[in-house]
Amino acid sequence: MFFTRVRPEVEYTVVAEPLSGIAGERLRSQIRKSLQSGAHTHIIDLRSLRTLDSYTLATLIRILRYVRASNGSIGLIVDQEPFLKILSITALDRVFPVFRDKETAMDSLKTIEDIPA
């Protein structure tokens, strides 16, 4: 798992292992720190993940609740058809914005940021 600050307000994370135990806590801790330092938008890239298990889904939901409570948002990058199917069956594709690649996620975020308040 690695974390990159793409912009001051956006953090990009690549997840390559299931988010159970230590890995899940490491991601939660990093996102807490990012929120405190001003990154309220998080892109979580699941393309390196081999399996999408219930621990990973539960961790993502817990993180989403925490981020939303801090007025932040999370987007997922997923290109594996089985993962997309799981997200659809569980209706999590309605809860998380899902993108096929980093460029699409960043373009979508830029469009949202460019809309005047």
C-alpha atoms as a PDB file:
ATOM      1  CA  MET A   1       0.000   0.000   0.000  1.00  0.00           C
ATOM      2  CA  PHE A   2       1.351   3.409  -0.835  1.00  0.00           C
ATOM      3  CA  PHE A   3       0.000   6.902  -0.356  1.00  0.00           C
ATOM      4  CA  THR A   4       0.595   9.909  -2.602  1.00  0.00           C
ATOM      5  CA  ARG A   5      -0.622  13.468  -2.143  1.00  0.00           C
ATOM      6  CA  VAL A   6      -1.791  14.359  -5.669  1.00  0.00           C
ATOM      7  CA  ARG A   7      -2.898  17.865  -4.723  1.00  0.00           C
ATOM      8  CA  PRO A   8      -3.055  19.563  -1.325  1.00  0.00           C
ATOM      9  CA  GLU A   9      -6.685  18.455  -0.982  1.00  0.00           C
ATOM     10  CA  VAL A  10      -6.451  15.035  -2.725  1.00  0.00           C
ATOM     11  CA  GLU A  11      -4.729  11.843  -1.603  1.00  0.00           C
ATOM     12  CA  TYR A  12      -4.264   8.815  -3.873  1.00  0.00           C
ATOM     13  CA  THR A  13      -3.761   5.369  -2.317  1.00  0.00           C
ATOM     14  CA  VAL A  14      -2.915   2.085  -4.026  1.00  0.00           C
ATOM     15  CA  VAL A  15      -4.176  -0.959  -2.117  1.00  0.00           C
ATOM     16  CA  ALA A  16      -2.419  -4.223  -3.028  1.00  0.00           C
ATOM     17  CA  GLU A  17      -3.487  -6.422  -0.119  1.00  0.00           C
ATOM     18  CA  PRO A  18      -6.796  -7.180   1.611  1.00  0.00           C
ATOM     19  CA  LEU A  19      -7.699  -4.570   4.230  1.00  0.00           C
ATOM     20  CA  SER A  20      -7.959  -6.886   7.198  1.00  0.00           C
ATOM     21  CA  GLY A  21      -6.033  -6.436  10.418  1.00  0.00           C
ATOM     22  CA  ILE A  22      -2.918  -4.301  10.178  1.00  0.00           C
ATOM     23  CA  ALA A  23      -3.437  -3.227   6.546  1.00  0.00           C
ATOM     24  CA  GLY A  24      -6.924  -1.924   7.315  1.00  0.00           C
ATOM     25  CA  GLU A  25      -5.721  -0.051  10.377  1.00  0.00           C
ATOM     26  CA  ARG A  26      -2.794   1.424   8.417  1.00  0.00           C
ATOM     27  CA  LEU A  27      -5.196   2.788   5.779  1.00  0.00           C
ATOM     28  CA  ARG A  28      -7.611   4.174   8.385  1.00  0.00           C
ATOM     29  CA  SER A  29      -4.739   5.846  10.230  1.00  0.00           C
ATOM     30  CA  GLN A  30      -3.312   7.389   7.057  1.00  0.00           C
ATOM     31  CA  ILE A  31      -6.710   8.740   6.014  1.00  0.00           C
ATOM     32  CA  ARG A  32      -7.220  10.272   9.464  1.00  0.00           C
ATOM     33  CA  LYS A  33      -3.844  12.030   9.148  1.00  0.00           C
ATOM     34  CA  SER A  34      -4.680  13.206   5.612  1.00  0.00           C
ATOM     35  CA  LEU A  35      -7.989  14.660   6.733  1.00  0.00           C
ATOM     36  CA  GLN A  36      -6.258  16.521   9.555  1.00  0.00           C
ATOM     37  CA  SER A  37      -3.747  17.972   7.082  1.00  0.00           C
ATOM     38  CA  GLY A  38      -6.424  19.150   4.642  1.00  0.00           C
ATOM     39  CA  ALA A  39      -6.827  16.295   2.146  1.00  0.00           C
ATOM     40  CA  HIS A  40     -10.583  15.788   2.138  1.00  0.00           C
ATOM     41  CA  THR A  41     -10.771  13.852  -1.131  1.00  0.00           C
ATOM     42  CA  HIS A  42      -9.387  10.326  -1.267  1.00  0.00           C
ATOM     43  CA  ILE A  43      -8.926   8.124  -4.302  1.00  0.00           C
ATOM     44  CA  ILE A  44      -8.427   4.476  -3.391  1.00  0.00           C
ATOM     45  CA  ASP A  45      -7.012   2.363  -6.225  1.00  0.00           C
ATOM     46  CA  LEU A  46      -8.008  -1.305  -5.926  1.00  0.00           C
ATOM     47  CA  ARG A  47      -6.576  -2.439  -9.289  1.00  0.00           C
ATOM     48  CA  SER A  48      -3.588  -4.197  -7.646  1.00  0.00           C
ATOM     49  CA  LEU A  49      -5.838  -6.157  -5.304  1.00  0.00           C
ATOM     50  CA  ARG A  50      -6.273  -9.852  -6.148  1.00  0.00           C
ATOM     51  CA  THR A  51      -9.432 -10.505  -4.133  1.00  0.00           C
ATOM     52  CA  LEU A  52     -12.169  -8.250  -2.832  1.00  0.00           C
ATOM     53  CA  ASP A  53     -13.169  -9.863   0.454  1.00  0.00           C
ATOM     54  CA  SER A  54     -15.677  -8.920   3.130  1.00  0.00           C
ATOM     55  CA  TYR A  55     -12.954  -7.468   5.403  1.00  0.00           C
ATOM     56  CA  THR A  56     -11.867  -5.092   2.653  1.00  0.00           C
ATOM     57  CA  LEU A  57     -15.457  -4.040   1.931  1.00  0.00           C
ATOM     58  CA  ALA A  58     -16.160  -3.503   5.641  1.00  0.00           C
ATOM     59  CA  THR A  59     -12.987  -1.423   6.030  1.00  0.00           C
ATOM     60  CA  LEU A  60     -13.884   0.724   3.016  1.00  0.00           C
ATOM     61  CA  ILE A  61     -17.360   1.347   4.459  1.00  0.00           C
ATOM     62  CA  ARG A  62     -15.912   2.318   7.872  1.00  0.00           C
ATOM     63  CA  ILE A  63     -13.462   4.679   6.182  1.00  0.00           C
ATOM     64  CA  LEU A  64     -16.257   6.172   4.068  1.00  0.00           C
ATOM     65  CA  ARG A  65     -18.327   6.913   7.186  1.00  0.00           C
ATOM     66  CA  TYR A  66     -15.373   8.589   8.879  1.00  0.00           C
ATOM     67  CA  VAL A  67     -14.456  10.637   5.800  1.00  0.00           C
ATOM     68  CA  ARG A  68     -18.053  11.760   5.221  1.00  0.00           C
ATOM     69  CA  ALA A  69     -18.345  12.791   8.872  1.00  0.00           C
ATOM     70  CA  SER A  70     -15.331  15.036   8.181  1.00  0.00           C
ATOM     71  CA  ASN A  71     -17.005  16.512   5.063  1.00  0.00           C
ATOM     72  CA  GLY A  72     -14.728  14.527   2.764  1.00  0.00           C
ATOM     73  CA  SER A  73     -15.250  12.090  -0.083  1.00  0.00           C
ATOM     74  CA  ILE A  74     -13.814   8.834  -1.393  1.00  0.00           C
ATOM     75  CA  GLY A  75     -13.678   7.468  -4.929  1.00  0.00           C
ATOM     76  CA  LEU A  76     -12.610   3.947  -5.888  1.00  0.00           C
ATOM     77  CA  ILE A  77     -10.597   2.917  -8.924  1.00  0.00           C
ATOM     78  CA  VAL A  78     -11.649  -0.557 -10.029  1.00  0.00           C
ATOM     79  CA  ASP A  79     -11.195  -2.214 -13.413  1.00  0.00           C
ATOM     80  CA  GLN A  80     -11.635  -5.897 -12.525  1.00  0.00           C
ATOM     81  CA  GLU A  81     -15.011  -7.157 -13.758  1.00  0.00           C
ATOM     82  CA  PRO A  82     -15.536  -9.503 -10.749  1.00  0.00           C
ATOM     83  CA  PHE A  83     -14.949  -6.561  -8.374  1.00  0.00           C
ATOM     84  CA  LEU A  84     -17.344  -4.353 -10.322  1.00  0.00           C
ATOM     85  CA  LYS A  85     -19.935  -7.115 -10.094  1.00  0.00           C
ATOM     86  CA  ILE A  86     -19.471  -7.397  -6.307  1.00  0.00           C
ATOM     87  CA  LEU A  87     -19.831  -3.624  -5.922  1.00  0.00           C
ATOM     88  CA  SER A  88     -22.988  -3.723  -8.036  1.00  0.00           C
ATOM     89  CA  ILE A  89     -24.569  -6.676  -6.206  1.00  0.00           C
ATOM     90  CA  THR A  90     -23.889  -5.060  -2.821  1.00  0.00           C
ATOM     91  CA  ALA A  91     -25.047  -1.651  -4.167  1.00  0.00           C
ATOM     92  CA  LEU A  92     -21.739  -0.145  -3.065  1.00  0.00           C
ATOM     93  CA  ASP A  93     -21.339   1.261  -6.570  1.00  0.00           C
ATOM     94  CA  ARG A  94     -24.122   3.653  -5.546  1.00  0.00           C
ATOM     95  CA  VAL A  95     -22.295   4.656  -2.383  1.00  0.00           C
ATOM     96  CA  PHE A  96     -18.766   5.038  -3.783  1.00  0.00           C
ATOM     97  CA  PRO A  97     -18.000   6.806  -7.054  1.00  0.00           C
ATOM     98  CA  VAL A  98     -16.239   4.112  -9.117  1.00  0.00           C
ATOM     99  CA  PHE A  99     -13.717   4.942 -11.836  1.00  0.00           C
ATOM    100  CA  ARG A 100     -11.805   2.714 -14.271  1.00  0.00           C
ATOM    101  CA  ASP A 101      -8.500   4.610 -14.045  1.00  0.00           C
ATOM    102  CA  LYS A 102      -6.684   7.390 -12.210  1.00  0.00           C
ATOM    103  CA  GLU A 103      -7.034   9.870 -15.073  1.00  0.00           C
ATOM    104  CA  THR A 104     -10.825   9.522 -15.121  1.00  0.00           C
ATOM    105  CA  ALA A 105     -10.976   9.926 -11.346  1.00  0.00           C
ATOM    106  CA  MET A 106      -8.797  13.039 -11.449  1.00  0.00           C
ATOM    107  CA  ASP A 107     -10.784  14.522 -14.366  1.00  0.00           C
ATOM    108  CA  SER A 108     -14.019  13.931 -12.486  1.00  0.00           C
ATOM    109  CA  LEU A 109     -12.616  15.591  -9.374  1.00  0.00           C
ATOM    110  CA  LYS A 110     -11.363  18.557 -11.410  1.00  0.00           C
ATOM    111  CA  THR A 111     -14.827  19.019 -12.927  1.00  0.00           C
ATOM    112  CA  ILE A 112     -16.409  18.992  -9.481  1.00  0.00           C
ATOM    113  CA  GLU A 113     -13.839  21.485  -8.133  1.00  0.00           C
ATOM    114  CA  ASP A 114     -14.340  23.860 -11.088  1.00  0.00           C
ATOM    115  CA  ILE A 115     -18.054  24.334 -10.414  1.00  0.00           C
ATOM    116  CA  PRO A 116     -18.486  27.706  -8.671  1.00  0.00           C
ATOM    117  CA  ALA A 117     -20.292  27.758  -5.353  1.00  0.00           C
END
